[in-house]
């Protein structure tokens, strides 16, 4: 046990009997870094099955709960680009499933072979 001066500016100065090593450790832990937001990407295809979509939704929910943004990319190959309506419906379903924890930062738009949305935590 050590005699540690806790408040030197007070009159009279405040001291405590404590373990000094533990006191310094707690002070160091109290000043931790804030969370840095990352952009996590999930890739989908128009032919993605319903169960696989649910798995991707669960993964996106985990990312959003950790305060990360999620980029959901729908990737088209060959003739799949002709059927963007079904892919848009799949992205809408994705948004609807996560509306309780996420807000839409960027809506779906075609960008070459990709259609993507960005979801940010609420």
N, C-alpha and C. Protein backbone atom coordinates (compact mmCIF):
# COMPACT_ATOMS: atom_id res chain seq x y z
N UNK A 1 0.84 -1.18 0.00
CA UNK A 1 0.00 0.00 0.00
C UNK A 1 0.89 1.25 0.00
N UNK A 2 0.40 2.27 -0.72
CA UNK A 2 1.14 3.52 -0.83
C UNK A 2 0.23 4.67 -0.43
N UNK A 3 0.84 5.76 0.00
CA UNK A 3 0.10 6.99 0.29
C UNK A 3 0.16 7.84 -0.97
N UNK A 4 -1.02 8.01 -1.64
CA UNK A 4 -1.07 8.70 -2.93
C UNK A 4 -1.85 9.99 -2.77
N UNK A 5 -1.25 11.09 -3.26
CA UNK A 5 -1.92 12.40 -3.24
C UNK A 5 -2.88 12.45 -4.42
N UNK A 6 -4.19 12.50 -4.15
CA UNK A 6 -5.22 12.44 -5.19
C UNK A 6 -5.56 13.84 -5.70
N UNK A 7 -5.73 14.80 -4.79
CA UNK A 7 -6.09 16.16 -5.18
C UNK A 7 -5.14 17.13 -4.49
N UNK A 8 -4.14 17.59 -5.21
CA UNK A 8 -3.13 18.48 -4.63
C UNK A 8 -3.66 19.90 -4.46
N UNK A 9 -4.62 20.32 -5.31
CA UNK A 9 -5.12 21.69 -5.28
C UNK A 9 -6.08 21.95 -4.12
N UNK A 10 -6.65 20.91 -3.55
CA UNK A 10 -7.62 21.06 -2.46
C UNK A 10 -6.90 21.51 -1.18
N UNK A 11 -7.66 22.19 -0.29
CA UNK A 11 -7.09 22.58 1.00
C UNK A 11 -7.86 21.87 2.10
N UNK A 12 -7.31 21.05 2.85
CA UNK A 12 -5.96 20.48 2.78
C UNK A 12 -5.87 19.46 1.63
N UNK A 13 -4.65 19.15 1.16
CA UNK A 13 -4.50 18.17 0.06
C UNK A 13 -5.08 16.82 0.45
N UNK A 14 -5.73 16.16 -0.53
CA UNK A 14 -6.39 14.88 -0.28
C UNK A 14 -5.43 13.74 -0.64
N UNK A 15 -5.25 12.82 0.29
CA UNK A 15 -4.39 11.65 0.09
C UNK A 15 -5.19 10.38 0.38
N UNK A 16 -4.75 9.27 -0.26
CA UNK A 16 -5.40 7.97 -0.04
C UNK A 16 -4.35 6.89 0.11
N UNK A 17 -4.72 5.88 0.88
CA UNK A 17 -3.89 4.69 0.96
C UNK A 17 -4.37 3.73 -0.12
N UNK A 18 -3.50 3.43 -1.06
CA UNK A 18 -3.90 2.54 -2.17
C UNK A 18 -2.66 1.94 -2.81
N UNK A 19 -2.91 1.00 -3.69
CA UNK A 19 -1.85 0.39 -4.48
C UNK A 19 -1.56 1.34 -5.65
N UNK A 20 -0.38 1.95 -5.70
CA UNK A 20 -0.06 2.96 -6.69
C UNK A 20 -0.01 2.37 -8.11
N UNK A 21 0.48 1.17 -8.25
CA UNK A 21 0.53 0.53 -9.58
C UNK A 21 -0.86 0.34 -10.17
N UNK A 22 -1.80 -0.09 -9.35
CA UNK A 22 -3.19 -0.27 -9.79
C UNK A 22 -3.82 1.08 -10.14
N UNK A 23 -3.49 2.13 -9.37
CA UNK A 23 -3.99 3.48 -9.63
C UNK A 23 -3.51 3.99 -10.99
N UNK A 24 -2.24 3.82 -11.30
CA UNK A 24 -1.68 4.27 -12.58
C UNK A 24 -2.30 3.46 -13.74
N UNK A 25 -2.51 2.16 -13.54
CA UNK A 25 -3.11 1.31 -14.57
C UNK A 25 -4.52 1.79 -14.90
N UNK A 26 -5.33 2.08 -13.88
CA UNK A 26 -6.70 2.56 -14.10
C UNK A 26 -6.72 3.91 -14.79
N UNK A 27 -5.78 4.79 -14.46
CA UNK A 27 -5.69 6.08 -15.13
C UNK A 27 -5.37 5.90 -16.61
N UNK A 28 -4.47 5.00 -16.90
CA UNK A 28 -4.07 4.73 -18.29
C UNK A 28 -5.24 4.16 -19.08
N UNK A 29 -6.00 3.25 -18.49
CA UNK A 29 -7.14 2.62 -19.14
C UNK A 29 -8.29 3.60 -19.38
N UNK A 30 -8.40 4.61 -18.54
CA UNK A 30 -9.50 5.58 -18.65
C UNK A 30 -9.32 6.47 -19.88
N UNK A 31 -8.11 6.60 -20.39
CA UNK A 31 -7.86 7.48 -21.55
C UNK A 31 -7.64 6.64 -22.81
N UNK A 32 -8.61 5.84 -23.18
CA UNK A 32 -8.47 5.01 -24.37
C UNK A 32 -8.89 5.79 -25.62
N UNK A 33 -8.49 5.28 -26.76
CA UNK A 33 -8.76 5.95 -28.03
C UNK A 33 -10.23 5.80 -28.42
N UNK A 34 -10.81 6.80 -29.08
CA UNK A 34 -12.18 6.66 -29.57
C UNK A 34 -12.23 5.70 -30.76
N UNK A 35 -13.42 5.18 -31.03
CA UNK A 35 -13.60 4.24 -32.13
C UNK A 35 -13.45 4.93 -33.48
N UNK A 36 -12.65 4.35 -34.36
CA UNK A 36 -12.48 4.86 -35.71
C UNK A 36 -13.46 4.12 -36.61
N UNK A 37 -14.28 4.86 -37.34
CA UNK A 37 -15.28 4.24 -38.20
C UNK A 37 -14.62 3.69 -39.46
N UNK A 38 -14.89 2.43 -39.73
CA UNK A 38 -14.38 1.78 -40.94
C UNK A 38 -15.54 1.55 -41.90
N UNK A 39 -15.22 1.40 -43.16
CA UNK A 39 -16.22 1.07 -44.18
C UNK A 39 -16.05 -0.40 -44.51
N UNK A 40 -17.03 -1.21 -44.11
CA UNK A 40 -16.99 -2.65 -44.37
C UNK A 40 -17.79 -2.92 -45.64
N UNK A 41 -17.32 -3.85 -46.47
CA UNK A 41 -17.99 -4.14 -47.73
C UNK A 41 -18.58 -5.55 -47.72
N UNK A 42 -19.83 -5.65 -48.19
CA UNK A 42 -20.47 -6.94 -48.39
C UNK A 42 -20.82 -7.04 -49.87
N UNK A 43 -20.52 -8.15 -50.49
CA UNK A 43 -20.79 -8.33 -51.91
C UNK A 43 -21.94 -9.31 -52.10
N UNK A 44 -22.84 -8.94 -52.98
CA UNK A 44 -23.98 -9.77 -53.32
C UNK A 44 -24.03 -9.96 -54.83
N UNK A 45 -24.77 -10.96 -55.27
CA UNK A 45 -25.04 -11.18 -56.68
C UNK A 45 -26.55 -11.27 -56.83
N UNK A 46 -27.09 -11.01 -57.99
CA UNK A 46 -28.54 -11.13 -58.18
C UNK A 46 -29.06 -12.54 -57.91
N UNK A 47 -28.21 -13.54 -58.04
CA UNK A 47 -28.62 -14.93 -57.82
C UNK A 47 -28.36 -15.41 -56.39
N UNK A 48 -28.04 -14.49 -55.48
CA UNK A 48 -27.78 -14.86 -54.09
C UNK A 48 -29.04 -15.45 -53.48
N UNK A 49 -28.89 -16.59 -52.82
CA UNK A 49 -30.02 -17.31 -52.23
C UNK A 49 -30.53 -16.58 -50.97
N UNK A 50 -31.75 -16.87 -50.57
CA UNK A 50 -32.39 -16.19 -49.43
C UNK A 50 -31.62 -16.43 -48.13
N UNK A 51 -31.15 -17.66 -47.90
CA UNK A 51 -30.40 -17.96 -46.68
C UNK A 51 -29.08 -17.21 -46.65
N UNK A 52 -28.41 -17.16 -47.79
CA UNK A 52 -27.16 -16.42 -47.87
C UNK A 52 -27.39 -14.93 -47.63
N UNK A 53 -28.50 -14.41 -48.11
CA UNK A 53 -28.85 -13.01 -47.89
C UNK A 53 -29.07 -12.74 -46.40
N UNK A 54 -29.73 -13.67 -45.71
CA UNK A 54 -29.94 -13.52 -44.26
C UNK A 54 -28.61 -13.51 -43.51
N UNK A 55 -27.67 -14.34 -43.96
CA UNK A 55 -26.34 -14.37 -43.35
C UNK A 55 -25.64 -13.04 -43.54
N UNK A 56 -25.73 -12.48 -44.73
CA UNK A 56 -25.12 -11.17 -45.01
C UNK A 56 -25.78 -10.07 -44.17
N UNK A 57 -27.07 -10.17 -43.97
CA UNK A 57 -27.79 -9.18 -43.15
C UNK A 57 -27.32 -9.27 -41.70
N UNK A 58 -27.15 -10.49 -41.18
CA UNK A 58 -26.64 -10.65 -39.81
C UNK A 58 -25.24 -10.06 -39.68
N UNK A 59 -24.40 -10.29 -40.69
CA UNK A 59 -23.03 -9.77 -40.66
C UNK A 59 -23.05 -8.24 -40.70
N UNK A 60 -23.92 -7.67 -41.53
CA UNK A 60 -24.03 -6.21 -41.61
C UNK A 60 -24.52 -5.64 -40.28
N UNK A 61 -25.44 -6.34 -39.63
CA UNK A 61 -25.95 -5.89 -38.33
C UNK A 61 -24.81 -5.83 -37.30
N UNK A 62 -23.93 -6.83 -37.31
CA UNK A 62 -22.78 -6.84 -36.40
C UNK A 62 -21.89 -5.62 -36.66
N UNK A 63 -21.62 -5.35 -37.94
CA UNK A 63 -20.77 -4.20 -38.28
C UNK A 63 -21.41 -2.91 -37.82
N UNK A 64 -22.71 -2.76 -38.03
CA UNK A 64 -23.41 -1.53 -37.67
C UNK A 64 -23.46 -1.36 -36.15
N UNK A 65 -23.60 -2.44 -35.42
CA UNK A 65 -23.61 -2.35 -33.96
C UNK A 65 -22.25 -1.97 -33.41
N UNK A 66 -21.19 -2.25 -34.17
CA UNK A 66 -19.84 -1.83 -33.78
C UNK A 66 -19.52 -0.43 -34.31
N UNK A 67 -20.54 0.27 -34.82
CA UNK A 67 -20.43 1.65 -35.30
C UNK A 67 -19.60 1.79 -36.57
N UNK A 68 -19.57 0.75 -37.41
CA UNK A 68 -18.90 0.82 -38.70
C UNK A 68 -19.94 1.03 -39.79
N UNK A 69 -19.53 1.67 -40.89
CA UNK A 69 -20.42 1.82 -42.05
C UNK A 69 -20.34 0.56 -42.89
N UNK A 70 -21.40 0.29 -43.65
CA UNK A 70 -21.46 -0.92 -44.48
C UNK A 70 -21.75 -0.53 -45.92
N UNK A 71 -20.90 -0.97 -46.82
CA UNK A 71 -21.11 -0.79 -48.25
C UNK A 71 -21.61 -2.13 -48.80
N UNK A 72 -22.82 -2.14 -49.34
CA UNK A 72 -23.40 -3.36 -49.90
C UNK A 72 -23.32 -3.23 -51.41
N UNK A 73 -22.49 -4.06 -52.03
CA UNK A 73 -22.31 -4.03 -53.47
C UNK A 73 -23.02 -5.20 -54.12
N UNK A 74 -23.85 -4.89 -55.12
CA UNK A 74 -24.49 -5.92 -55.94
C UNK A 74 -23.68 -5.98 -57.23
N UNK A 75 -23.03 -7.11 -57.48
CA UNK A 75 -22.14 -7.24 -58.63
C UNK A 75 -22.86 -8.02 -59.72
N UNK A 76 -22.86 -7.47 -60.93
CA UNK A 76 -23.52 -8.08 -62.07
C UNK A 76 -22.48 -8.67 -63.01
N UNK A 77 -22.79 -9.83 -63.56
CA UNK A 77 -21.92 -10.47 -64.56
C UNK A 77 -22.75 -10.78 -65.80
N UNK A 78 -22.20 -10.53 -66.94
CA UNK A 78 -22.83 -10.88 -68.21
C UNK A 78 -24.22 -10.32 -68.37
N UNK A 79 -25.20 -11.20 -68.63
CA UNK A 79 -26.57 -10.78 -68.89
C UNK A 79 -27.35 -10.39 -67.64
N UNK A 80 -26.74 -10.56 -66.49
CA UNK A 80 -27.41 -10.18 -65.25
C UNK A 80 -27.71 -8.68 -65.22
N UNK A 81 -26.96 -7.91 -65.98
CA UNK A 81 -27.16 -6.46 -65.98
C UNK A 81 -28.51 -6.07 -66.58
N UNK A 82 -29.14 -6.96 -67.30
CA UNK A 82 -30.46 -6.70 -67.89
C UNK A 82 -31.56 -6.73 -66.83
N UNK A 83 -31.31 -7.40 -65.70
CA UNK A 83 -32.35 -7.61 -64.69
C UNK A 83 -32.01 -6.86 -63.40
N UNK A 84 -31.86 -5.56 -63.50
CA UNK A 84 -31.51 -4.76 -62.33
C UNK A 84 -32.68 -4.59 -61.37
N UNK A 85 -33.92 -4.81 -61.84
CA UNK A 85 -35.10 -4.63 -60.98
C UNK A 85 -35.08 -5.63 -59.82
N UNK A 86 -34.76 -6.89 -60.12
CA UNK A 86 -34.73 -7.90 -59.05
C UNK A 86 -33.60 -7.61 -58.06
N UNK A 87 -32.49 -7.10 -58.56
CA UNK A 87 -31.38 -6.75 -57.68
C UNK A 87 -31.75 -5.57 -56.80
N UNK A 88 -32.46 -4.61 -57.36
CA UNK A 88 -32.90 -3.45 -56.60
C UNK A 88 -33.87 -3.90 -55.49
N UNK A 89 -34.73 -4.86 -55.81
CA UNK A 89 -35.64 -5.42 -54.81
C UNK A 89 -34.88 -6.11 -53.68
N UNK A 90 -33.79 -6.79 -54.02
CA UNK A 90 -32.98 -7.46 -53.01
C UNK A 90 -32.31 -6.43 -52.10
N UNK A 91 -31.81 -5.34 -52.67
CA UNK A 91 -31.21 -4.29 -51.86
C UNK A 91 -32.25 -3.61 -50.97
N UNK A 92 -33.47 -3.43 -51.49
CA UNK A 92 -34.54 -2.86 -50.68
C UNK A 92 -34.88 -3.76 -49.50
N UNK A 93 -34.87 -5.07 -49.73
CA UNK A 93 -35.10 -6.04 -48.66
C UNK A 93 -33.99 -5.95 -47.61
N UNK A 94 -32.77 -5.75 -48.07
CA UNK A 94 -31.62 -5.59 -47.19
C UNK A 94 -31.79 -4.36 -46.31
N UNK A 95 -32.22 -3.26 -46.92
CA UNK A 95 -32.43 -2.01 -46.18
C UNK A 95 -33.55 -2.18 -45.16
N UNK A 96 -34.64 -2.81 -45.57
CA UNK A 96 -35.79 -2.99 -44.69
C UNK A 96 -35.43 -3.84 -43.46
N UNK A 97 -34.57 -4.84 -43.66
CA UNK A 97 -34.18 -5.72 -42.56
C UNK A 97 -33.29 -5.00 -41.54
N UNK A 98 -32.59 -3.94 -41.99
CA UNK A 98 -31.66 -3.24 -41.11
C UNK A 98 -32.11 -1.84 -40.73
N UNK A 99 -33.36 -1.49 -41.01
CA UNK A 99 -33.80 -0.12 -40.76
C UNK A 99 -33.82 0.26 -39.28
N UNK A 100 -33.83 -0.73 -38.38
CA UNK A 100 -33.82 -0.42 -36.95
C UNK A 100 -32.45 0.00 -36.44
N UNK A 101 -31.37 -0.39 -37.12
CA UNK A 101 -30.02 -0.05 -36.67
C UNK A 101 -29.25 0.82 -37.66
N UNK A 102 -29.80 1.05 -38.86
CA UNK A 102 -29.04 1.76 -39.89
C UNK A 102 -29.87 2.82 -40.59
N UNK A 103 -29.17 3.80 -41.11
CA UNK A 103 -29.79 4.80 -41.98
C UNK A 103 -29.04 4.78 -43.31
N UNK A 104 -29.73 5.14 -44.37
CA UNK A 104 -29.13 5.09 -45.70
C UNK A 104 -28.30 6.35 -45.91
N UNK A 105 -27.04 6.15 -46.21
CA UNK A 105 -26.16 7.28 -46.48
C UNK A 105 -26.09 7.55 -47.98
N UNK A 106 -26.12 6.49 -48.78
CA UNK A 106 -26.11 6.63 -50.24
C UNK A 106 -27.05 5.59 -50.81
N UNK A 107 -27.96 6.01 -51.65
CA UNK A 107 -28.93 5.09 -52.23
C UNK A 107 -28.32 4.32 -53.39
N UNK A 108 -29.07 3.33 -53.89
CA UNK A 108 -28.55 2.47 -54.94
C UNK A 108 -28.48 3.20 -56.28
N UNK A 109 -27.35 3.02 -56.92
CA UNK A 109 -27.14 3.59 -58.25
C UNK A 109 -26.18 2.68 -59.00
N UNK A 110 -26.42 2.53 -60.30
CA UNK A 110 -25.55 1.69 -61.11
C UNK A 110 -24.23 2.41 -61.34
N UNK A 111 -23.16 1.66 -61.17
CA UNK A 111 -21.82 2.19 -61.42
C UNK A 111 -21.06 1.11 -62.18
N UNK A 112 -21.23 1.10 -63.48
CA UNK A 112 -20.60 0.06 -64.29
C UNK A 112 -21.27 -1.28 -64.06
N UNK A 113 -20.54 -2.23 -63.50
CA UNK A 113 -21.08 -3.56 -63.21
C UNK A 113 -21.58 -3.68 -61.78
N UNK A 114 -21.60 -2.59 -61.06
CA UNK A 114 -21.98 -2.63 -59.65
C UNK A 114 -23.16 -1.73 -59.36
N UNK A 115 -23.95 -2.14 -58.37
CA UNK A 115 -25.00 -1.30 -57.81
C UNK A 115 -24.77 -1.35 -56.30
N UNK A 116 -24.61 -0.19 -55.68
CA UNK A 116 -24.25 -0.23 -54.27
C UNK A 116 -25.02 0.76 -53.42
N UNK A 117 -25.11 0.44 -52.14
CA UNK A 117 -25.69 1.33 -51.14
C UNK A 117 -24.72 1.41 -49.97
N UNK A 118 -24.75 2.53 -49.26
CA UNK A 118 -23.95 2.69 -48.05
C UNK A 118 -24.90 2.89 -46.88
N UNK A 119 -24.74 2.07 -45.85
CA UNK A 119 -25.54 2.16 -44.65
C UNK A 119 -24.65 2.64 -43.50
N UNK A 120 -25.16 3.60 -42.74
CA UNK A 120 -24.44 4.14 -41.59
C UNK A 120 -25.22 3.81 -40.33
N UNK A 121 -24.53 3.60 -39.21
CA UNK A 121 -25.25 3.31 -37.97
C UNK A 121 -26.07 4.51 -37.50
N UNK A 122 -27.22 4.23 -36.87
CA UNK A 122 -28.06 5.31 -36.35
C UNK A 122 -27.43 5.91 -35.12
